[in-house]
């Protein structure tokens, strides 16, 4: 496993700069962690990053509610207006976060007019999410990433059980994608 390279692979790049984008895709997560991702997305929105956030995620961990519904509730609590949030409730994984969010964007506009999309997620997940966005979204669209808390996660994943599990899982998936030539580590 590549655990000795975690810092270099997952936390070495800075995605804290806001680049104004036509849309943002907020990757889904378990309902108990939705506040973390919603806080990142709300910050991006409040800094003028986008007018439209696609909150993506099906009922994965909790079959009684979609991740997108929980993310939307959390975004609204943080002052993002309801008209700025697009719910995408079909995605069961990061690949589907991209493809299903693209479908929602296409329902609202001519995709050929979309110039940029920002992917929003937690720091440990950014490498894979951005890599998949660049593979799956139309090549004419500029893809950016935005996150917060990289310094915290860089230190905390060794002692925080949730983050440790997430980082180990992320590294294993990235290893598999690298072996298939889909990402470069």
N, C-alpha and C. Protein backbone atom coordinates (compact mmCIF):
# COMPACT_ATOMS: atom_id res chain seq x y z
N UNK A 1 0.84 -1.18 0.00
CA UNK A 1 0.00 0.00 0.00
C UNK A 1 0.88 1.24 0.00
N UNK A 2 0.33 2.33 -0.47
CA UNK A 2 1.06 3.58 -0.61
C UNK A 2 0.95 4.48 0.62
N UNK A 3 0.70 3.92 1.79
CA UNK A 3 0.44 4.75 2.97
C UNK A 3 1.60 5.66 3.33
N UNK A 4 2.81 5.27 2.98
CA UNK A 4 3.94 6.14 3.28
C UNK A 4 3.96 7.38 2.38
N UNK A 5 3.16 7.40 1.32
CA UNK A 5 3.08 8.54 0.41
C UNK A 5 1.77 9.32 0.54
N UNK A 6 1.03 9.10 1.60
CA UNK A 6 -0.27 9.75 1.77
C UNK A 6 -0.15 11.26 1.66
N UNK A 7 0.79 11.84 2.36
CA UNK A 7 0.90 13.30 2.35
C UNK A 7 1.12 13.82 0.93
N UNK A 8 2.04 13.20 0.22
CA UNK A 8 2.35 13.63 -1.15
C UNK A 8 1.16 13.43 -2.08
N UNK A 9 0.49 12.31 -1.98
CA UNK A 9 -0.59 11.98 -2.91
C UNK A 9 -1.89 12.71 -2.57
N UNK A 10 -2.27 12.74 -1.31
CA UNK A 10 -3.58 13.30 -0.96
C UNK A 10 -3.56 14.75 -0.50
N UNK A 11 -2.47 15.20 0.11
CA UNK A 11 -2.51 16.51 0.77
C UNK A 11 -1.48 17.52 0.28
N UNK A 12 -0.78 17.23 -0.80
CA UNK A 12 0.30 18.13 -1.21
C UNK A 12 -0.18 19.33 -2.02
N UNK A 13 -1.32 19.23 -2.68
CA UNK A 13 -1.79 20.33 -3.52
C UNK A 13 -2.77 21.21 -2.75
N UNK A 14 -2.77 22.49 -3.08
CA UNK A 14 -3.64 23.46 -2.40
C UNK A 14 -4.88 23.72 -3.25
N UNK A 15 -6.03 23.42 -2.71
CA UNK A 15 -7.30 23.68 -3.39
C UNK A 15 -8.14 24.67 -2.59
N UNK A 16 -7.49 25.61 -1.94
CA UNK A 16 -8.21 26.58 -1.13
C UNK A 16 -8.52 27.88 -1.84
N UNK A 17 -8.10 28.00 -3.10
CA UNK A 17 -8.36 29.22 -3.85
C UNK A 17 -9.70 29.12 -4.57
N UNK A 18 -10.48 30.18 -4.48
CA UNK A 18 -11.77 30.22 -5.15
C UNK A 18 -11.57 30.70 -6.57
N UNK A 19 -12.00 29.87 -7.52
CA UNK A 19 -12.03 30.26 -8.93
C UNK A 19 -13.51 30.26 -9.33
N UNK A 20 -14.01 31.40 -9.75
CA UNK A 20 -15.43 31.51 -10.10
C UNK A 20 -15.77 30.51 -11.20
N UNK A 21 -16.83 29.73 -10.96
CA UNK A 21 -17.23 28.67 -11.88
C UNK A 21 -18.72 28.76 -12.17
N UNK A 22 -19.09 28.24 -13.32
CA UNK A 22 -20.51 28.22 -13.70
C UNK A 22 -21.32 27.34 -12.75
N UNK A 23 -20.75 26.22 -12.36
CA UNK A 23 -21.40 25.28 -11.44
C UNK A 23 -20.36 24.71 -10.49
N UNK A 24 -20.84 24.20 -9.36
CA UNK A 24 -20.01 23.43 -8.44
C UNK A 24 -20.70 22.10 -8.22
N UNK A 25 -19.92 21.04 -8.14
CA UNK A 25 -20.43 19.71 -7.81
C UNK A 25 -19.93 19.38 -6.41
N UNK A 26 -20.87 19.21 -5.49
CA UNK A 26 -20.56 18.84 -4.11
C UNK A 26 -20.74 17.34 -3.98
N UNK A 27 -19.65 16.62 -3.78
CA UNK A 27 -19.69 15.16 -3.70
C UNK A 27 -20.38 14.71 -2.42
N UNK A 28 -21.22 13.70 -2.56
CA UNK A 28 -21.97 13.17 -1.43
C UNK A 28 -21.10 12.46 -0.41
N UNK A 29 -21.70 12.27 0.77
CA UNK A 29 -21.04 11.57 1.86
C UNK A 29 -22.12 11.09 2.83
N UNK A 30 -21.76 10.25 3.76
CA UNK A 30 -22.70 9.77 4.77
C UNK A 30 -23.32 10.97 5.50
N UNK A 31 -24.60 10.87 5.86
CA UNK A 31 -25.28 12.00 6.50
C UNK A 31 -24.55 12.59 7.71
N UNK A 32 -23.88 11.75 8.51
CA UNK A 32 -23.21 12.29 9.69
C UNK A 32 -22.02 13.17 9.34
N UNK A 33 -21.49 13.04 8.11
CA UNK A 33 -20.35 13.87 7.70
C UNK A 33 -20.74 14.97 6.72
N UNK A 34 -22.01 15.03 6.38
CA UNK A 34 -22.49 16.07 5.46
C UNK A 34 -22.17 17.49 5.95
N UNK A 35 -22.24 17.77 7.27
CA UNK A 35 -21.91 19.13 7.70
C UNK A 35 -20.50 19.58 7.30
N UNK A 36 -19.55 18.65 7.30
CA UNK A 36 -18.17 19.00 6.92
C UNK A 36 -18.13 19.46 5.47
N UNK A 37 -18.72 18.68 4.58
CA UNK A 37 -18.69 19.03 3.16
C UNK A 37 -19.57 20.24 2.86
N UNK A 38 -20.69 20.35 3.54
CA UNK A 38 -21.57 21.50 3.33
C UNK A 38 -20.88 22.80 3.76
N UNK A 39 -20.12 22.75 4.82
CA UNK A 39 -19.39 23.93 5.28
C UNK A 39 -18.39 24.40 4.22
N UNK A 40 -17.71 23.45 3.59
CA UNK A 40 -16.75 23.78 2.54
C UNK A 40 -17.49 24.42 1.36
N UNK A 41 -18.60 23.81 0.95
CA UNK A 41 -19.36 24.33 -0.19
C UNK A 41 -19.98 25.69 0.11
N UNK A 42 -20.50 25.87 1.31
CA UNK A 42 -21.09 27.16 1.69
C UNK A 42 -20.03 28.25 1.67
N UNK A 43 -18.84 27.94 2.11
CA UNK A 43 -17.74 28.90 2.07
C UNK A 43 -17.43 29.29 0.63
N UNK A 44 -17.37 28.31 -0.25
CA UNK A 44 -17.11 28.56 -1.67
C UNK A 44 -18.19 29.48 -2.24
N UNK A 45 -19.43 29.17 -1.94
CA UNK A 45 -20.56 29.97 -2.44
C UNK A 45 -20.47 31.41 -1.92
N UNK A 46 -20.26 31.56 -0.62
CA UNK A 46 -20.22 32.90 0.00
C UNK A 46 -19.05 33.74 -0.48
N UNK A 47 -18.00 33.09 -0.95
CA UNK A 47 -16.84 33.81 -1.50
C UNK A 47 -17.03 34.14 -2.98
N UNK A 48 -18.23 33.88 -3.51
CA UNK A 48 -18.52 34.20 -4.91
C UNK A 48 -18.07 33.16 -5.90
N UNK A 49 -17.86 31.94 -5.44
CA UNK A 49 -17.35 30.89 -6.32
C UNK A 49 -18.31 30.41 -7.38
N UNK A 50 -19.60 30.43 -7.09
CA UNK A 50 -20.60 29.95 -8.04
C UNK A 50 -21.98 30.42 -7.62
N UNK A 51 -22.91 30.36 -8.56
CA UNK A 51 -24.30 30.66 -8.24
C UNK A 51 -25.12 29.38 -8.10
N UNK A 52 -24.51 28.23 -8.48
CA UNK A 52 -25.25 26.96 -8.49
C UNK A 52 -24.40 25.81 -7.99
N UNK A 53 -24.87 25.17 -6.93
CA UNK A 53 -24.19 24.00 -6.36
C UNK A 53 -25.06 22.77 -6.58
N UNK A 54 -24.49 21.77 -7.23
CA UNK A 54 -25.18 20.49 -7.37
C UNK A 54 -24.78 19.64 -6.17
N UNK A 55 -25.73 19.41 -5.27
CA UNK A 55 -25.51 18.54 -4.11
C UNK A 55 -25.83 17.12 -4.55
N UNK A 56 -24.81 16.27 -4.59
CA UNK A 56 -24.95 14.96 -5.21
C UNK A 56 -24.90 13.83 -4.19
N UNK A 57 -25.76 12.84 -4.39
CA UNK A 57 -25.69 11.65 -3.57
C UNK A 57 -27.03 10.98 -3.35
N UNK A 58 -27.07 9.67 -3.55
CA UNK A 58 -28.26 8.85 -3.33
C UNK A 58 -28.36 8.45 -1.85
N UNK A 59 -29.32 7.61 -1.55
CA UNK A 59 -29.47 7.05 -0.20
C UNK A 59 -28.51 5.86 -0.10
N UNK A 60 -27.28 6.12 0.27
CA UNK A 60 -26.24 5.09 0.27
C UNK A 60 -26.10 4.47 1.65
N UNK A 61 -25.51 5.19 2.59
CA UNK A 61 -25.28 4.65 3.93
C UNK A 61 -26.58 4.57 4.74
N UNK A 62 -27.42 5.58 4.61
CA UNK A 62 -28.71 5.63 5.30
C UNK A 62 -29.80 5.54 4.24
N UNK A 63 -30.45 4.40 4.15
CA UNK A 63 -31.45 4.16 3.10
C UNK A 63 -32.71 5.01 3.25
N UNK A 64 -32.85 5.72 4.37
CA UNK A 64 -34.07 6.51 4.60
C UNK A 64 -33.99 7.93 4.05
N UNK A 65 -32.80 8.38 3.65
CA UNK A 65 -32.66 9.75 3.15
C UNK A 65 -31.47 9.82 2.20
N UNK A 66 -31.61 10.64 1.17
CA UNK A 66 -30.50 10.78 0.23
C UNK A 66 -29.44 11.71 0.79
N UNK A 67 -28.21 11.45 0.37
CA UNK A 67 -27.11 12.34 0.75
C UNK A 67 -27.35 13.74 0.21
N UNK A 68 -27.94 13.83 -0.98
CA UNK A 68 -28.21 15.15 -1.57
C UNK A 68 -29.19 15.95 -0.72
N UNK A 69 -30.20 15.29 -0.16
CA UNK A 69 -31.17 15.99 0.69
C UNK A 69 -30.51 16.50 1.97
N UNK A 70 -29.66 15.68 2.55
CA UNK A 70 -28.96 16.08 3.77
C UNK A 70 -28.00 17.23 3.46
N UNK A 71 -27.26 17.12 2.37
CA UNK A 71 -26.35 18.20 1.98
C UNK A 71 -27.12 19.49 1.74
N UNK A 72 -28.26 19.40 1.07
CA UNK A 72 -29.07 20.59 0.82
C UNK A 72 -29.50 21.23 2.15
N UNK A 73 -30.00 20.43 3.08
CA UNK A 73 -30.40 20.96 4.39
C UNK A 73 -29.24 21.67 5.07
N UNK A 74 -28.07 21.05 5.01
CA UNK A 74 -26.88 21.64 5.65
C UNK A 74 -26.45 22.93 4.94
N UNK A 75 -26.56 22.97 3.64
CA UNK A 75 -26.22 24.19 2.90
C UNK A 75 -27.18 25.32 3.27
N UNK A 76 -28.47 25.01 3.34
CA UNK A 76 -29.47 26.02 3.71
C UNK A 76 -29.21 26.56 5.11
N UNK A 77 -28.85 25.67 6.05
CA UNK A 77 -28.51 26.10 7.42
C UNK A 77 -27.35 27.08 7.43
N UNK A 78 -26.48 26.96 6.44
CA UNK A 78 -25.28 27.80 6.37
C UNK A 78 -25.46 29.02 5.49
N UNK A 79 -26.71 29.32 5.13
CA UNK A 79 -27.00 30.55 4.41
C UNK A 79 -26.97 30.49 2.90
N UNK A 80 -26.81 29.31 2.32
CA UNK A 80 -26.89 29.20 0.87
C UNK A 80 -28.37 29.19 0.49
N UNK A 81 -28.80 30.08 -0.40
CA UNK A 81 -30.23 30.13 -0.76
C UNK A 81 -30.70 28.88 -1.50
N UNK A 82 -31.94 28.52 -1.27
CA UNK A 82 -32.50 27.30 -1.86
C UNK A 82 -32.38 27.29 -3.38
N UNK A 83 -32.56 28.43 -4.02
CA UNK A 83 -32.48 28.47 -5.48
C UNK A 83 -31.06 28.23 -6.01
N UNK A 84 -30.07 28.27 -5.14
CA UNK A 84 -28.69 28.01 -5.55
C UNK A 84 -28.32 26.53 -5.46
N UNK A 85 -29.20 25.71 -4.88
CA UNK A 85 -28.89 24.29 -4.65
C UNK A 85 -29.71 23.41 -5.59
N UNK A 86 -29.01 22.58 -6.33
CA UNK A 86 -29.63 21.59 -7.21
C UNK A 86 -29.41 20.23 -6.58
N UNK A 87 -30.50 19.52 -6.31
CA UNK A 87 -30.37 18.18 -5.72
C UNK A 87 -30.21 17.14 -6.81
N UNK A 88 -29.19 16.31 -6.66
CA UNK A 88 -28.95 15.18 -7.56
C UNK A 88 -28.96 13.95 -6.67
N UNK A 89 -30.01 13.15 -6.75
CA UNK A 89 -30.23 12.09 -5.76
C UNK A 89 -29.99 10.67 -6.26
N UNK A 90 -29.30 10.51 -7.38
CA UNK A 90 -29.11 9.18 -7.97
C UNK A 90 -27.71 8.60 -7.80
N UNK A 91 -26.72 9.41 -7.46
CA UNK A 91 -25.32 8.97 -7.45
C UNK A 91 -24.98 8.12 -6.24
N UNK A 92 -24.43 6.94 -6.49
CA UNK A 92 -24.02 6.02 -5.43
C UNK A 92 -22.51 6.03 -5.18
N UNK A 93 -21.74 6.73 -6.01
CA UNK A 93 -20.29 6.78 -5.83
C UNK A 93 -19.74 8.03 -6.51
N UNK A 94 -18.44 8.19 -6.48
CA UNK A 94 -17.81 9.40 -7.01
C UNK A 94 -17.95 9.49 -8.52
N UNK A 95 -17.87 8.38 -9.21
CA UNK A 95 -18.08 8.39 -10.66
C UNK A 95 -19.48 8.91 -10.96
N UNK A 96 -20.47 8.40 -10.26
CA UNK A 96 -21.84 8.84 -10.48
C UNK A 96 -22.07 10.26 -9.99
N UNK A 97 -21.32 10.73 -8.98
CA UNK A 97 -21.42 12.14 -8.59
C UNK A 97 -21.17 13.01 -9.82
N UNK A 98 -20.19 12.63 -10.62
CA UNK A 98 -19.85 13.42 -11.81
C UNK A 98 -20.88 13.25 -12.91
N UNK A 99 -21.20 12.01 -13.25
CA UNK A 99 -22.09 11.77 -14.39
C UNK A 99 -23.53 12.20 -14.11
N UNK A 100 -24.02 11.92 -12.93
CA UNK A 100 -25.39 12.31 -12.59
C UNK A 100 -25.50 13.83 -12.41
N UNK A 101 -24.47 14.45 -11.88
CA UNK A 101 -24.46 15.92 -11.75
C UNK A 101 -24.43 16.56 -13.12
N UNK A 102 -23.68 15.98 -14.04
CA UNK A 102 -23.65 16.48 -15.42
C UNK A 102 -25.05 16.44 -16.02
N UNK A 103 -25.78 15.36 -15.78
CA UNK A 103 -27.16 15.27 -16.28
C UNK A 103 -28.01 16.39 -15.72
N UNK A 104 -27.89 16.68 -14.43
CA UNK A 104 -28.67 17.77 -13.82
C UNK A 104 -28.29 19.13 -14.43
N UNK A 105 -27.02 19.33 -14.69
CA UNK A 105 -26.58 20.58 -15.32
C UNK A 105 -27.16 20.68 -16.73
N UNK A 106 -27.13 19.57 -17.47
CA UNK A 106 -27.67 19.55 -18.83
C UNK A 106 -29.17 19.84 -18.87
N UNK A 107 -29.88 19.47 -17.82
CA UNK A 107 -31.32 19.76 -17.75
C UNK A 107 -31.59 21.26 -17.63
N UNK A 108 -30.59 22.01 -17.19
CA UNK A 108 -30.78 23.43 -16.89
C UNK A 108 -30.15 24.38 -17.89
N UNK A 109 -29.24 23.87 -18.70
CA UNK A 109 -28.53 24.75 -19.63
C UNK A 109 -27.96 23.95 -20.79
N UNK A 110 -27.55 24.65 -21.81
CA UNK A 110 -26.82 24.05 -22.93
C UNK A 110 -25.41 23.77 -22.43
N UNK A 111 -25.04 22.51 -22.34
CA UNK A 111 -23.74 22.14 -21.76
C UNK A 111 -22.58 22.75 -22.55
N UNK A 112 -22.81 23.07 -23.80
CA UNK A 112 -21.75 23.68 -24.60
C UNK A 112 -21.45 25.11 -24.15
N UNK A 113 -22.35 25.70 -23.36
CA UNK A 113 -22.14 27.05 -22.83
C UNK A 113 -21.45 27.05 -21.47
N UNK A 114 -21.35 25.88 -20.84
CA UNK A 114 -20.71 25.78 -19.53
C UNK A 114 -19.20 25.80 -19.74
N UNK A 115 -18.55 26.75 -19.10
CA UNK A 115 -17.10 26.90 -19.27
C UNK A 115 -16.30 26.31 -18.12
N UNK A 116 -16.91 26.26 -16.91
CA UNK A 116 -16.13 25.79 -15.77
C UNK A 116 -17.02 25.15 -14.71
N UNK A 117 -16.43 24.17 -14.04
CA UNK A 117 -17.09 23.48 -12.92
C UNK A 117 -16.04 23.29 -11.83
N UNK A 118 -16.44 23.56 -10.59
CA UNK A 118 -15.57 23.30 -9.45
C UNK A 118 -16.09 22.09 -8.69
N UNK A 119 -15.20 21.15 -8.40
CA UNK A 119 -15.53 19.97 -7.61
C UNK A 119 -15.22 20.31 -6.15
N UNK A 120 -16.19 20.07 -5.28
CA UNK A 120 -16.03 20.35 -3.86
C UNK A 120 -16.16 19.06 -3.07
N UNK A 121 -15.18 18.82 -2.22
CA UNK A 121 -15.19 17.63 -1.36
C UNK A 121 -14.18 17.85 -0.24
N UNK A 122 -13.98 16.83 0.57
CA UNK A 122 -12.98 16.91 1.63
C UNK A 122 -11.59 16.71 1.03
N UNK A 123 -10.55 17.21 1.72
CA UNK A 123 -9.19 17.13 1.19
C UNK A 123 -8.75 15.71 0.80
N UNK A 124 -9.01 14.72 1.66
CA UNK A 124 -8.54 13.36 1.37
C UNK A 124 -9.14 12.80 0.08
N UNK A 125 -10.28 13.32 -0.34
CA UNK A 125 -11.04 12.80 -1.48
C UNK A 125 -10.79 13.59 -2.77
N UNK A 126 -10.10 14.71 -2.68
CA UNK A 126 -9.97 15.64 -3.81
C UNK A 126 -9.22 15.04 -4.99
N UNK A 127 -8.14 14.34 -4.78
CA UNK A 127 -7.34 13.79 -5.88
C UNK A 127 -8.20 12.92 -6.79
N UNK A 128 -8.93 11.99 -6.19
CA UNK A 128 -9.76 11.08 -6.99
C UNK A 128 -10.94 11.81 -7.62
N UNK A 129 -11.60 12.66 -6.86
CA UNK A 129 -12.77 13.37 -7.38
C UNK A 129 -12.38 14.23 -8.59
N UNK A 130 -11.29 14.96 -8.47
CA UNK A 130 -10.83 15.79 -9.60
C UNK A 130 -10.40 14.93 -10.79
N UNK A 131 -9.70 13.85 -10.52
CA UNK A 131 -9.27 12.96 -11.60
C UNK A 131 -10.47 12.42 -12.36
N UNK A 132 -11.48 11.98 -11.64
CA UNK A 132 -12.68 11.45 -12.29
C UNK A 132 -13.45 12.53 -13.03
N UNK A 133 -13.52 13.73 -12.46
CA UNK A 133 -14.19 14.84 -13.15
C UNK A 133 -13.51 15.12 -14.48
N UNK A 134 -12.19 15.11 -14.49
CA UNK A 134 -11.44 15.40 -15.73
C UNK A 134 -11.62 14.30 -16.77
N UNK A 135 -11.86 13.08 -16.32
CA UNK A 135 -12.10 11.98 -17.24
C UNK A 135 -13.53 12.01 -17.76
N UNK A 136 -14.50 12.28 -16.89
CA UNK A 136 -15.91 12.08 -17.21
C UNK A 136 -16.67 13.30 -17.70
N UNK A 137 -16.23 14.49 -17.36
CA UNK A 137 -16.93 15.69 -17.80
C UNK A 137 -16.40 16.12 -19.16
N UNK A 138 -17.21 16.84 -19.95
CA UNK A 138 -16.76 17.24 -21.29
C UNK A 138 -15.42 17.98 -21.25
N UNK A 139 -14.58 17.69 -22.22
CA UNK A 139 -13.22 18.23 -22.20
C UNK A 139 -13.15 19.73 -22.41
N UNK A 140 -14.20 20.36 -22.93
CA UNK A 140 -14.16 21.82 -23.10
C UNK A 140 -14.38 22.57 -21.78
N UNK A 141 -14.79 21.87 -20.74
CA UNK A 141 -15.07 22.50 -19.45
C UNK A 141 -13.80 22.50 -18.59
N UNK A 142 -13.45 23.67 -18.07
CA UNK A 142 -12.33 23.77 -17.14
C UNK A 142 -12.80 23.22 -15.80
N UNK A 143 -12.00 22.36 -15.20
CA UNK A 143 -12.34 21.71 -13.94
C UNK A 143 -11.41 22.24 -12.85
N UNK A 144 -12.01 22.71 -11.76
CA UNK A 144 -11.26 23.20 -10.61
C UNK A 144 -11.67 22.39 -9.38
N UNK A 145 -10.87 22.49 -8.35
CA UNK A 145 -11.20 21.85 -7.07
C UNK A 145 -11.20 22.89 -5.97
N UNK A 146 -12.05 22.66 -4.97
CA UNK A 146 -12.07 23.54 -3.81
C UNK A 146 -12.31 22.70 -2.56
N UNK A 147 -11.50 22.95 -1.55
CA UNK A 147 -11.67 22.27 -0.27
C UNK A 147 -11.10 23.14 0.84
N UNK A 148 -11.32 22.71 2.04
CA UNK A 148 -10.76 23.36 3.23
C UNK A 148 -10.37 22.27 4.22
N UNK A 149 -9.44 22.58 5.10
CA UNK A 149 -9.09 21.66 6.17
C UNK A 149 -8.00 20.66 5.83
N UNK A 150 -7.24 20.92 4.79
CA UNK A 150 -6.18 19.97 4.41
C UNK A 150 -5.14 19.81 5.51
N UNK A 151 -4.77 20.91 6.14
CA UNK A 151 -3.77 20.82 7.21
C UNK A 151 -4.27 19.95 8.36
N UNK A 152 -5.54 20.14 8.72
CA UNK A 152 -6.13 19.33 9.79
C UNK A 152 -6.13 17.85 9.40
N UNK A 153 -6.63 17.54 8.19
CA UNK A 153 -6.70 16.14 7.79
C UNK A 153 -5.33 15.51 7.61
N UNK A 154 -4.36 16.31 7.16
CA UNK A 154 -2.99 15.82 7.00
C UNK A 154 -2.47 15.28 8.33
N UNK A 155 -2.80 15.94 9.42
CA UNK A 155 -2.34 15.53 10.75
C UNK A 155 -3.28 14.51 11.40
N UNK A 156 -4.58 14.72 11.24
CA UNK A 156 -5.57 13.96 12.01
C UNK A 156 -5.82 12.54 11.51
N UNK A 157 -5.50 12.25 10.26
CA UNK A 157 -5.87 10.93 9.75
C UNK A 157 -5.16 9.79 10.48
N UNK A 158 -4.06 10.07 11.11
CA UNK A 158 -3.34 9.03 11.84
C UNK A 158 -4.00 8.65 13.16
N UNK A 159 -4.81 9.56 13.71
CA UNK A 159 -5.43 9.30 15.02
C UNK A 159 -6.96 9.27 14.96
N UNK A 160 -7.56 9.90 13.98
CA UNK A 160 -9.02 9.94 13.84
C UNK A 160 -9.45 8.69 13.06
N UNK A 161 -10.25 7.83 13.69
CA UNK A 161 -10.61 6.55 13.08
C UNK A 161 -11.36 6.71 11.77
N UNK A 162 -12.29 7.64 11.69
CA UNK A 162 -13.02 7.86 10.43
C UNK A 162 -12.06 8.27 9.33
N UNK A 163 -11.22 9.27 9.60
CA UNK A 163 -10.29 9.75 8.58
C UNK A 163 -9.29 8.67 8.19
N UNK A 164 -8.83 7.90 9.16
CA UNK A 164 -7.88 6.83 8.86
C UNK A 164 -8.49 5.83 7.88
N UNK A 165 -9.72 5.44 8.16
CA UNK A 165 -10.43 4.51 7.29
C UNK A 165 -10.63 5.12 5.90
N UNK A 166 -11.02 6.39 5.86
CA UNK A 166 -11.23 7.09 4.58
C UNK A 166 -9.94 7.19 3.78
N UNK A 167 -8.86 7.56 4.43
CA UNK A 167 -7.57 7.71 3.75
C UNK A 167 -7.09 6.36 3.23
N UNK A 168 -7.17 5.33 4.03
CA UNK A 168 -6.74 4.01 3.58
C UNK A 168 -7.56 3.53 2.40
N UNK A 169 -8.87 3.74 2.44
CA UNK A 169 -9.75 3.38 1.34
C UNK A 169 -9.40 4.19 0.08
N UNK A 170 -9.20 5.47 0.27
CA UNK A 170 -8.87 6.37 -0.84
C UNK A 170 -7.58 5.92 -1.52
N UNK A 171 -6.58 5.62 -0.73
CA UNK A 171 -5.29 5.19 -1.27
C UNK A 171 -5.42 3.88 -2.04
N UNK A 172 -6.23 2.97 -1.55
CA UNK A 172 -6.43 1.70 -2.24
C UNK A 172 -7.14 1.92 -3.59
N UNK A 173 -8.16 2.76 -3.61
CA UNK A 173 -8.87 3.05 -4.86
C UNK A 173 -7.93 3.75 -5.84
N UNK A 174 -7.16 4.72 -5.36
CA UNK A 174 -6.22 5.42 -6.24
C UNK A 174 -5.17 4.46 -6.79
N UNK A 175 -4.71 3.53 -5.98
CA UNK A 175 -3.74 2.53 -6.43
C UNK A 175 -4.33 1.71 -7.58
N UNK A 176 -5.58 1.28 -7.42
CA UNK A 176 -6.25 0.50 -8.47
C UNK A 176 -6.41 1.34 -9.74
N UNK A 177 -6.79 2.60 -9.60
CA UNK A 177 -6.95 3.47 -10.76
C UNK A 177 -5.60 3.72 -11.44
N UNK A 178 -4.54 3.87 -10.65
CA UNK A 178 -3.20 4.08 -11.21
C UNK A 178 -2.73 2.84 -11.97
N UNK A 179 -3.02 1.66 -11.42
CA UNK A 179 -2.63 0.42 -12.10
C UNK A 179 -3.33 0.26 -13.44
N UNK A 180 -4.52 0.84 -13.56
CA UNK A 180 -5.27 0.80 -14.83
C UNK A 180 -4.93 1.96 -15.74
N UNK A 181 -4.03 2.84 -15.27
CA UNK A 181 -3.64 3.99 -16.08
C UNK A 181 -4.64 5.13 -16.09
N UNK A 182 -5.55 5.16 -15.13
CA UNK A 182 -6.58 6.20 -15.11
C UNK A 182 -6.12 7.47 -14.37
N UNK A 183 -5.24 7.31 -13.38
CA UNK A 183 -4.69 8.45 -12.65
C UNK A 183 -3.19 8.27 -12.51
N UNK A 184 -2.52 9.39 -12.27
CA UNK A 184 -1.08 9.36 -12.01
C UNK A 184 -0.87 9.73 -10.56
N UNK A 185 -0.07 8.91 -9.88
CA UNK A 185 0.20 9.18 -8.46
C UNK A 185 1.53 9.88 -8.28
